[in-house]
Amino acid sequence: MEKGFTYILTNKNATILYVGATKNLKNRVDCHRNGTAAVFTKKYNATILIYFEEFADWSDAFQREKQLKNWHKDWKWNIAKLSNPELKDLYLNL
């Protein structure tokens, strides 16, 4: 089994949220930061990693992504703030 990650990005003003899933979190966030990933994150400059979950099986991470994408925006903010109250950029610790 290959591990996977579900993650949430925001912009510097914390006005938008982007939910994604990947097998390589550091590489994927690098792509978002370089503007070579999703069009949405490039358009809204969503480059700050505020939340992520690690899964032993990557397919579980992709299922979790689908679940989080269906959540209300407030619920997504709440889950991020529970583990990262100051919404610091977690990328710096990867």
PDB file of N, CA and C in Angstrom:
ATOM      1  N   MET A   1       0.828  -1.189   0.000  1.00  0.00           N
ATOM      2  CA  MET A   1       0.000   0.000   0.000  1.00  0.00           C
ATOM      3  C   MET A   1       0.871   1.250   0.000  1.00  0.00           C
ATOM      4  N   GLU A   2       0.381   2.242  -0.692  1.00  0.00           N
ATOM      5  CA  GLU A   2       1.071   3.522  -0.760  1.00  0.00           C
ATOM      6  C   GLU A   2       0.269   4.542   0.036  1.00  0.00           C
ATOM      7  N   LYS A   3       0.958   5.326   0.880  1.00  0.00           N
ATOM      8  CA  LYS A   3       0.232   6.286   1.707  1.00  0.00           C
ATOM      9  C   LYS A   3      -0.256   7.461   0.870  1.00  0.00           C
ATOM     10  N   GLY A   4      -1.214   8.198   1.427  1.00  0.00           N
ATOM     11  CA  GLY A   4      -1.772   9.357   0.751  1.00  0.00           C
ATOM     12  C   GLY A   4      -2.120  10.440   1.749  1.00  0.00           C
ATOM     13  N   PHE A   5      -2.408  11.608   1.228  1.00  0.00           N
ATOM     14  CA  PHE A   5      -2.705  12.767   2.063  1.00  0.00           C
ATOM     15  C   PHE A   5      -3.918  13.512   1.515  1.00  0.00           C
ATOM     16  N   THR A   6      -4.723  14.018   2.423  1.00  0.00           N
ATOM     17  CA  THR A   6      -5.780  14.972   2.091  1.00  0.00           C
ATOM     18  C   THR A   6      -5.343  16.283   2.727  1.00  0.00           C
ATOM     19  N   TYR A   7      -5.519  17.390   2.009  1.00  0.00           N
ATOM     20  CA  TYR A   7      -5.000  18.658   2.508  1.00  0.00           C
ATOM     21  C   TYR A   7      -5.931  19.820   2.182  1.00  0.00           C
ATOM     22  N   ILE A   8      -5.747  20.909   2.927  1.00  0.00           N
ATOM     23  CA  ILE A   8      -6.500  22.138   2.685  1.00  0.00           C
ATOM     24  C   ILE A   8      -5.498  23.281   2.564  1.00  0.00           C
ATOM     25  N   LEU A   9      -5.677  24.069   1.507  1.00  0.00           N
ATOM     26  CA  LEU A   9      -4.869  25.269   1.271  1.00  0.00           C
ATOM     27  C   LEU A   9      -5.751  26.506   1.377  1.00  0.00           C
ATOM     28  N   THR A  10      -5.135  27.630   1.711  1.00  0.00           N
ATOM     29  CA  THR A  10      -5.828  28.912   1.687  1.00  0.00           C
ATOM     30  C   THR A  10      -4.877  29.957   1.111  1.00  0.00           C
ATOM     31  N   ASN A  11      -5.377  31.177   0.947  1.00  0.00           N
ATOM     32  CA  ASN A  11      -4.536  32.270   0.470  1.00  0.00           C
ATOM     33  C   ASN A  11      -4.087  33.122   1.653  1.00  0.00           C
ATOM     34  N   LYS A  12      -3.271  34.147   1.394  1.00  0.00           N
ATOM     35  CA  LYS A  12      -2.716  34.932   2.504  1.00  0.00           C
ATOM     36  C   LYS A  12      -3.777  35.696   3.286  1.00  0.00           C
ATOM     37  N   ASN A  13      -4.917  36.002   2.684  1.00  0.00           N
ATOM     38  CA  ASN A  13      -6.001  36.690   3.374  1.00  0.00           C
ATOM     39  C   ASN A  13      -6.996  35.730   4.020  1.00  0.00           C
ATOM     40  N   ALA A  14      -6.769  34.439   3.848  1.00  0.00           N
ATOM     41  CA  ALA A  14      -7.649  33.391   4.387  1.00  0.00           C
ATOM     42  C   ALA A  14      -9.102  33.620   3.968  1.00  0.00           C
ATOM     43  N   THR A  15      -9.289  33.857   2.668  1.00  0.00           N
ATOM     44  CA  THR A  15     -10.639  34.097   2.156  1.00  0.00           C
ATOM     45  C   THR A  15     -11.179  32.927   1.339  1.00  0.00           C
ATOM     46  N   ILE A  16     -10.316  32.015   0.939  1.00  0.00           N
ATOM     47  CA  ILE A  16     -10.762  30.858   0.167  1.00  0.00           C
ATOM     48  C   ILE A  16     -10.154  29.587   0.742  1.00  0.00           C
ATOM     49  N   LEU A  17     -10.751  28.468   0.391  1.00  0.00           N
ATOM     50  CA  LEU A  17     -10.227  27.157   0.781  1.00  0.00           C
ATOM     51  C   LEU A  17     -10.154  26.271  -0.454  1.00  0.00           C
ATOM     52  N   TYR A  18      -9.117  25.474  -0.513  1.00  0.00           N
ATOM     53  CA  TYR A  18      -8.968  24.483  -1.575  1.00  0.00           C
ATOM     54  C   TYR A  18      -8.681  23.145  -0.916  1.00  0.00           C
ATOM     55  N   VAL A  19      -9.449  22.131  -1.272  1.00  0.00           N
ATOM     56  CA  VAL A  19      -9.257  20.778  -0.733  1.00  0.00           C
ATOM     57  C   VAL A  19      -8.683  19.900  -1.833  1.00  0.00           C
ATOM     58  N   GLY A  20      -7.633  19.160  -1.488  1.00  0.00           N
ATOM     59  CA  GLY A  20      -7.015  18.267  -2.454  1.00  0.00           C
ATOM     60  C   GLY A  20      -6.542  16.985  -1.806  1.00  0.00           C
ATOM     61  N   ALA A  21      -6.083  16.060  -2.645  1.00  0.00           N
ATOM     62  CA  ALA A  21      -5.522  14.792  -2.165  1.00  0.00           C
ATOM     63  C   ALA A  21      -4.348  14.439  -3.061  1.00  0.00           C
ATOM     64  N   THR A  22      -3.374  13.763  -2.483  1.00  0.00           N
ATOM     65  CA  THR A  22      -2.169  13.429  -3.226  1.00  0.00           C
ATOM     66  C   THR A  22      -1.430  12.272  -2.564  1.00  0.00           C
ATOM     67  N   LYS A  23      -0.505  11.695  -3.293  1.00  0.00           N
ATOM     68  CA  LYS A  23       0.364  10.662  -2.739  1.00  0.00           C
ATOM     69  C   LYS A  23       1.639  11.267  -2.169  1.00  0.00           C
ATOM     70  N   ASN A  24       2.019  12.455  -2.634  1.00  0.00           N
ATOM     71  CA  ASN A  24       3.246  13.116  -2.193  1.00  0.00           C
ATOM     72  C   ASN A  24       2.910  14.558  -1.821  1.00  0.00           C
ATOM     73  N   LEU A  25       2.698  14.819  -0.551  1.00  0.00           N
ATOM     74  CA  LEU A  25       2.220  16.122  -0.088  1.00  0.00           C
ATOM     75  C   LEU A  25       3.202  17.248  -0.384  1.00  0.00           C
ATOM     76  N   LYS A  26       4.450  17.059  -0.054  1.00  0.00           N
ATOM     77  CA  LYS A  26       5.429  18.134  -0.267  1.00  0.00           C
ATOM     78  C   LYS A  26       5.528  18.511  -1.741  1.00  0.00           C
ATOM     79  N   ASN A  27       5.605  17.527  -2.594  1.00  0.00           N
ATOM     80  CA  ASN A  27       5.692  17.775  -4.030  1.00  0.00           C
ATOM     81  C   ASN A  27       4.447  18.495  -4.549  1.00  0.00           C
ATOM     82  N   ARG A  28       3.285  18.066  -4.088  1.00  0.00           N
ATOM     83  CA  ARG A  28       2.038  18.663  -4.572  1.00  0.00           C
ATOM     84  C   ARG A  28       1.904  20.116  -4.124  1.00  0.00           C
ATOM     85  N   VAL A  29       2.256  20.401  -2.870  1.00  0.00           N
ATOM     86  CA  VAL A  29       2.194  21.786  -2.394  1.00  0.00           C
ATOM     87  C   VAL A  29       3.213  22.636  -3.140  1.00  0.00           C
ATOM     88  N   ASP A  30       4.382  22.071  -3.440  1.00  0.00           N
ATOM     89  CA  ASP A  30       5.358  22.782  -4.274  1.00  0.00           C
ATOM     90  C   ASP A  30       4.742  23.169  -5.616  1.00  0.00           C
ATOM     91  N   CYS A  31       4.006  22.253  -6.215  1.00  0.00           N
ATOM     92  CA  CYS A  31       3.340  22.540  -7.496  1.00  0.00           C
ATOM     93  C   CYS A  31       2.332  23.676  -7.353  1.00  0.00           C
ATOM     94  N   HIS A  32       1.565  23.674  -6.272  1.00  0.00           N
ATOM     95  CA  HIS A  32       0.612  24.765  -6.038  1.00  0.00           C
ATOM     96  C   HIS A  32       1.354  26.093  -5.887  1.00  0.00           C
ATOM     97  N   ARG A  33       2.441  26.077  -5.157  1.00  0.00           N
ATOM     98  CA  ARG A  33       3.220  27.300  -4.922  1.00  0.00           C
ATOM     99  C   ARG A  33       3.863  27.813  -6.203  1.00  0.00           C
ATOM    100  N   ASN A  34       4.232  26.914  -7.090  1.00  0.00           N
ATOM    101  CA  ASN A  34       4.863  27.305  -8.353  1.00  0.00           C
ATOM    102  C   ASN A  34       3.846  27.642  -9.440  1.00  0.00           C
ATOM    103  N   GLY A  35       2.563  27.421  -9.150  1.00  0.00           N
ATOM    104  CA  GLY A  35       1.516  27.717 -10.127  1.00  0.00           C
ATOM    105  C   GLY A  35       1.358  26.658 -11.195  1.00  0.00           C
ATOM    106  N   THR A  36       1.870  25.449 -10.942  1.00  0.00           N
ATOM    107  CA  THR A  36       1.775  24.379 -11.940  1.00  0.00           C
ATOM    108  C   THR A  36       0.760  23.306 -11.562  1.00  0.00           C
ATOM    109  N   ALA A  37      -0.033  23.569 -10.553  1.00  0.00           N
ATOM    110  CA  ALA A  37      -1.040  22.588 -10.113  1.00  0.00           C
ATOM    111  C   ALA A  37      -2.417  23.033 -10.605  1.00  0.00           C
ATOM    112  N   ALA A  38      -3.400  23.029  -9.745  1.00  0.00           N
ATOM    113  CA  ALA A  38      -4.775  23.356 -10.103  1.00  0.00           C
ATOM    114  C   ALA A  38      -4.925  24.816 -10.537  1.00  0.00           C
ATOM    115  N   VAL A  39      -5.761  25.041 -11.522  1.00  0.00           N
ATOM    116  CA  VAL A  39      -6.043  26.392 -12.014  1.00  0.00           C
ATOM    117  C   VAL A  39      -6.627  27.254 -10.897  1.00  0.00           C
ATOM    118  N   PHE A  40      -7.479  26.664 -10.073  1.00  0.00           N
ATOM    119  CA  PHE A  40      -8.116  27.398  -8.981  1.00  0.00           C
ATOM    120  C   PHE A  40      -7.081  27.969  -8.017  1.00  0.00           C
ATOM    121  N   THR A  41      -6.109  27.145  -7.623  1.00  0.00           N
ATOM    122  CA  THR A  41      -5.115  27.618  -6.652  1.00  0.00           C
ATOM    123  C   THR A  41      -4.216  28.687  -7.259  1.00  0.00           C
ATOM    124  N   LYS A  42      -3.956  28.594  -8.536  1.00  0.00           N
ATOM    125  CA  LYS A  42      -3.158  29.628  -9.213  1.00  0.00           C
ATOM    126  C   LYS A  42      -3.944  30.932  -9.297  1.00  0.00           C
ATOM    127  N   LYS A  43      -5.204  30.839  -9.674  1.00  0.00           N
ATOM    128  CA  LYS A  43      -6.051  32.027  -9.828  1.00  0.00           C
ATOM    129  C   LYS A  43      -6.211  32.772  -8.506  1.00  0.00           C
ATOM    130  N   TYR A  44      -6.420  32.040  -7.412  1.00  0.00           N
ATOM    131  CA  TYR A  44      -6.682  32.661  -6.113  1.00  0.00           C
ATOM    132  C   TYR A  44      -5.461  32.648  -5.185  1.00  0.00           C
ATOM    133  N   ASN A  45      -4.312  32.226  -5.708  1.00  0.00           N
ATOM    134  CA  ASN A  45      -3.062  32.220  -4.956  1.00  0.00           C
ATOM    135  C   ASN A  45      -3.177  31.441  -3.638  1.00  0.00           C
ATOM    136  N   ALA A  46      -3.816  30.286  -3.709  1.00  0.00           N
ATOM    137  CA  ALA A  46      -3.969  29.412  -2.531  1.00  0.00           C
ATOM    138  C   ALA A  46      -2.709  28.567  -2.391  1.00  0.00           C
ATOM    139  N   THR A  47      -1.800  29.034  -1.565  1.00  0.00           N
ATOM    140  CA  THR A  47      -0.495  28.375  -1.431  1.00  0.00           C
ATOM    141  C   THR A  47      -0.134  28.054   0.015  1.00  0.00           C
ATOM    142  N   ILE A  48      -1.012  28.365   0.955  1.00  0.00           N
ATOM    143  CA  ILE A  48      -0.714  28.166   2.369  1.00  0.00           C
ATOM    144  C   ILE A  48      -1.391  26.879   2.847  1.00  0.00           C
ATOM    145  N   LEU A  49      -0.585  25.926   3.251  1.00  0.00           N
ATOM    146  CA  LEU A  49      -1.073  24.640   3.746  1.00  0.00           C
ATOM    147  C   LEU A  49      -1.502  24.805   5.204  1.00  0.00           C
ATOM    148  N   ILE A  50      -2.810  24.728   5.454  1.00  0.00           N
ATOM    149  CA  ILE A  50      -3.301  24.933   6.823  1.00  0.00           C
ATOM    150  C   ILE A  50      -3.777  23.641   7.485  1.00  0.00           C
ATOM    151  N   TYR A  51      -3.906  22.572   6.703  1.00  0.00           N
ATOM    152  CA  TYR A  51      -4.423  21.319   7.274  1.00  0.00           C
ATOM    153  C   TYR A  51      -4.046  20.160   6.363  1.00  0.00           C
ATOM    154  N   PHE A  52      -3.725  19.020   6.975  1.00  0.00           N
ATOM    155  CA  PHE A  52      -3.586  17.796   6.195  1.00  0.00           C
ATOM    156  C   PHE A  52      -3.803  16.583   7.085  1.00  0.00           C
ATOM    157  N   GLU A  53      -4.212  15.504   6.450  1.00  0.00           N
ATOM    158  CA  GLU A  53      -4.389  14.213   7.096  1.00  0.00           C
ATOM    159  C   GLU A  53      -3.569  13.197   6.307  1.00  0.00           C
ATOM    160  N   GLU A  54      -2.945  12.264   7.010  1.00  0.00           N
ATOM    161  CA  GLU A  54      -2.181  11.211   6.351  1.00  0.00           C
ATOM    162  C   GLU A  54      -2.933   9.889   6.466  1.00  0.00           C
ATOM    163  N   PHE A  55      -2.939   9.124   5.386  1.00  0.00           N
ATOM    164  CA  PHE A  55      -3.622   7.830   5.337  1.00  0.00           C
ATOM    165  C   PHE A  55      -2.644   6.756   4.893  1.00  0.00           C
ATOM    166  N   ALA A  56      -2.780   5.572   5.447  1.00  0.00           N
ATOM    167  CA  ALA A  56      -1.916   4.451   5.082  1.00  0.00           C
ATOM    168  C   ALA A  56      -2.152   4.020   3.640  1.00  0.00           C
ATOM    169  N   ASP A  57      -3.364   4.178   3.155  1.00  0.00           N
ATOM    170  CA  ASP A  57      -3.724   3.801   1.787  1.00  0.00           C
ATOM    171  C   ASP A  57      -4.184   5.045   1.037  1.00  0.00           C
ATOM    172  N   TRP A  58      -3.569   5.334  -0.090  1.00  0.00           N
ATOM    173  CA  TRP A  58      -3.872   6.561  -0.823  1.00  0.00           C
ATOM    174  C   TRP A  58      -5.342   6.646  -1.246  1.00  0.00           C
ATOM    175  N   SER A  59      -5.987   5.516  -1.480  1.00  0.00           N
ATOM    176  CA  SER A  59      -7.393   5.561  -1.908  1.00  0.00           C
ATOM    177  C   SER A  59      -8.283   6.127  -0.793  1.00  0.00           C
ATOM    178  N   ASP A  60      -7.893   5.909   0.467  1.00  0.00           N
ATOM    179  CA  ASP A  60      -8.637   6.495   1.581  1.00  0.00           C
ATOM    180  C   ASP A  60      -8.499   8.016   1.583  1.00  0.00           C
ATOM    181  N   ALA A  61      -7.335   8.508   1.209  1.00  0.00           N
ATOM    182  CA  ALA A  61      -7.109   9.958   1.138  1.00  0.00           C
ATOM    183  C   ALA A  61      -8.004  10.585   0.070  1.00  0.00           C
ATOM    184  N   PHE A  62      -8.148   9.924  -1.068  1.00  0.00           N
ATOM    185  CA  PHE A  62      -8.978  10.456  -2.133  1.00  0.00           C
ATOM    186  C   PHE A  62     -10.463  10.395  -1.781  1.00  0.00           C
ATOM    187  N   GLN A  63     -10.860   9.373  -1.015  1.00  0.00           N
ATOM    188  CA  GLN A  63     -12.238   9.310  -0.532  1.00  0.00           C
ATOM    189  C   GLN A  63     -12.513  10.441   0.459  1.00  0.00           C
ATOM    190  N   ARG A  64     -11.548  10.708   1.322  1.00  0.00           N
ATOM    191  CA  ARG A  64     -11.681  11.798   2.300  1.00  0.00           C
ATOM    192  C   ARG A  64     -11.766  13.147   1.588  1.00  0.00           C
ATOM    193  N   GLU A  65     -10.997  13.315   0.508  1.00  0.00           N
ATOM    194  CA  GLU A  65     -11.074  14.550  -0.274  1.00  0.00           C
ATOM    195  C   GLU A  65     -12.497  14.783  -0.776  1.00  0.00           C
ATOM    196  N   LYS A  66     -13.099  13.748  -1.328  1.00  0.00           N
ATOM    197  CA  LYS A  66     -14.477  13.862  -1.824  1.00  0.00           C
ATOM    198  C   LYS A  66     -15.422  14.255  -0.695  1.00  0.00           C
ATOM    199  N   GLN A  67     -15.223  13.659   0.479  1.00  0.00           N
ATOM    200  CA  GLN A  67     -16.066  13.975   1.629  1.00  0.00           C
ATOM    201  C   GLN A  67     -15.911  15.443   2.025  1.00  0.00           C
ATOM    202  N   LEU A  68     -14.669  15.911   2.160  1.00  0.00           N
ATOM    203  CA  LEU A  68     -14.429  17.292   2.582  1.00  0.00           C
ATOM    204  C   LEU A  68     -14.928  18.304   1.557  1.00  0.00           C
ATOM    205  N   LYS A  69     -14.845  17.977   0.301  1.00  0.00           N
ATOM    206  CA  LYS A  69     -15.325  18.897  -0.742  1.00  0.00           C
ATOM    207  C   LYS A  69     -16.831  19.113  -0.638  1.00  0.00           C
ATOM    208  N   ASN A  70     -17.537  18.160  -0.061  1.00  0.00           N
ATOM    209  CA  ASN A  70     -18.985  18.298   0.112  1.00  0.00           C
ATOM    210  C   ASN A  70     -19.373  19.014   1.402  1.00  0.00           C
ATOM    211  N   TRP A  71     -18.404  19.283   2.261  1.00  0.00           N
ATOM    212  CA  TRP A  71     -18.669  19.973   3.513  1.00  0.00           C
ATOM    213  C   TRP A  71     -18.923  21.458   3.278  1.00  0.00           C
ATOM    214  N   HIS A  72     -19.660  22.075   4.220  1.00  0.00           N
ATOM    215  CA  HIS A  72     -19.830  23.529   4.215  1.00  0.00           C
ATOM    216  C   HIS A  72     -18.483  24.187   4.506  1.00  0.00           C
ATOM    217  N   LYS A  73     -18.324  25.391   4.022  1.00  0.00           N
ATOM    218  CA  LYS A  73     -17.062  26.119   4.213  1.00  0.00           C
ATOM    219  C   LYS A  73     -16.715  26.263   5.695  1.00  0.00           C
ATOM    220  N   ASP A  74     -17.701  26.550   6.526  1.00  0.00           N
ATOM    221  CA  ASP A  74     -17.451  26.706   7.970  1.00  0.00           C
ATOM    222  C   ASP A  74     -16.904  25.427   8.592  1.00  0.00           C
ATOM    223  N   TRP A  75     -17.393  24.287   8.149  1.00  0.00           N
ATOM    224  CA  TRP A  75     -16.912  23.013   8.686  1.00  0.00           C
ATOM    225  C   TRP A  75     -15.443  22.811   8.326  1.00  0.00           C
ATOM    226  N   LYS A  76     -15.077  23.189   7.101  1.00  0.00           N
ATOM    227  CA  LYS A  76     -13.677  23.060   6.675  1.00  0.00           C
ATOM    228  C   LYS A  76     -12.779  23.970   7.509  1.00  0.00           C
ATOM    229  N   TRP A  77     -13.234  25.205   7.744  1.00  0.00           N
ATOM    230  CA  TRP A  77     -12.452  26.120   8.587  1.00  0.00           C
ATOM    231  C   TRP A  77     -12.298  25.537   9.984  1.00  0.00           C
ATOM    232  N   ASN A  78     -13.374  24.977  10.522  1.00  0.00           N
ATOM    233  CA  ASN A  78     -13.331  24.418  11.877  1.00  0.00           C
ATOM    234  C   ASN A  78     -12.353  23.261  11.995  1.00  0.00           C
ATOM    235  N   ILE A  79     -12.339  22.361  11.019  1.00  0.00           N
ATOM    236  CA  ILE A  79     -11.426  21.221  11.103  1.00  0.00           C
ATOM    237  C   ILE A  79      -9.974  21.703  11.017  1.00  0.00           C
ATOM    238  N   ALA A  80      -9.727  22.708  10.212  1.00  0.00           N
ATOM    239  CA  ALA A  80      -8.358  23.251  10.106  1.00  0.00           C
ATOM    240  C   ALA A  80      -7.952  23.936  11.408  1.00  0.00           C
ATOM    241  N   LYS A  81      -8.865  24.705  11.986  1.00  0.00           N
ATOM    242  CA  LYS A  81      -8.552  25.456  13.204  1.00  0.00           C
ATOM    243  C   LYS A  81      -8.412  24.556  14.434  1.00  0.00           C
ATOM    244  N   LEU A  82      -9.044  23.383  14.427  1.00  0.00           N
ATOM    245  CA  LEU A  82      -8.892  22.458  15.550  1.00  0.00           C
ATOM    246  C   LEU A  82      -7.450  21.983  15.700  1.00  0.00           C
ATOM    247  N   SER A  83      -6.809  21.690  14.590  1.00  0.00           N
ATOM    248  CA  SER A  83      -5.433  21.203  14.654  1.00  0.00           C
ATOM    249  C   SER A  83      -4.391  22.302  14.439  1.00  0.00           C
ATOM    250  N   ASN A  84      -4.829  23.449  13.924  1.00  0.00           N
ATOM    251  CA  ASN A  84      -3.912  24.539  13.609  1.00  0.00           C
ATOM    252  C   ASN A  84      -4.608  25.870  13.934  1.00  0.00           C
ATOM    253  N   PRO A  85      -4.797  26.187  15.218  1.00  0.00           N
ATOM    254  CA  PRO A  85      -5.594  27.347  15.627  1.00  0.00           C
ATOM    255  C   PRO A  85      -5.129  28.688  15.050  1.00  0.00           C
ATOM    256  N   GLU A  86      -3.837  28.832  14.840  1.00  0.00           N
ATOM    257  CA  GLU A  86      -3.315  30.092  14.303  1.00  0.00           C
ATOM    258  C   GLU A  86      -3.230  30.076  12.784  1.00  0.00           C
ATOM    259  N   LEU A  87      -3.651  28.979  12.165  1.00  0.00           N
ATOM    260  CA  LEU A  87      -3.614  28.795  10.715  1.00  0.00           C
ATOM    261  C   LEU A  87      -2.234  29.096  10.138  1.00  0.00           C
ATOM    262  N   LYS A  88      -1.210  28.602  10.824  1.00  0.00           N
ATOM    263  CA  LYS A  88       0.161  28.754  10.346  1.00  0.00           C
ATOM    264  C   LYS A  88       0.381  27.863   9.123  1.00  0.00           C
ATOM    265  N   ASP A  89       1.332  28.232   8.314  1.00  0.00           N
ATOM    266  CA  ASP A  89       1.659  27.471   7.128  1.00  0.00           C
ATOM    267  C   ASP A  89       2.410  26.192   7.530  1.00  0.00           C
ATOM    268  N   LEU A  90       1.750  25.053   7.410  1.00  0.00           N
ATOM    269  CA  LEU A  90       2.321  23.775   7.815  1.00  0.00           C
ATOM    270  C   LEU A  90       3.369  23.270   6.823  1.00  0.00           C
ATOM    271  N   TYR A  91       3.437  23.863   5.664  1.00  0.00           N
ATOM    272  CA  TYR A  91       4.419  23.471   4.655  1.00  0.00           C
ATOM    273  C   TYR A  91       5.843  23.605   5.198  1.00  0.00           C
ATOM    274  N   LEU A  92       6.046  24.594   6.029  1.00  0.00           N
ATOM    275  CA  LEU A  92       7.383  24.865   6.548  1.00  0.00           C
ATOM    276  C   LEU A  92       7.914  23.723   7.403  1.00  0.00           C
ATOM    277  N   ASN A  93       7.033  22.854   7.896  1.00  0.00           N
ATOM    278  CA  ASN A  93       7.444  21.733   8.754  1.00  0.00           C
ATOM    279  C   ASN A  93       7.447  20.379   8.025  1.00  0.00           C
ATOM    280  N   LEU A  94       7.216  20.403   6.734  1.00  0.00           N
ATOM    281  CA  LEU A  94       7.197  19.124   5.985  1.00  0.00           C
ATOM    282  C   LEU A  94       8.603  18.610   5.751  1.00  0.00           C
TER     283      LEU A  94
END
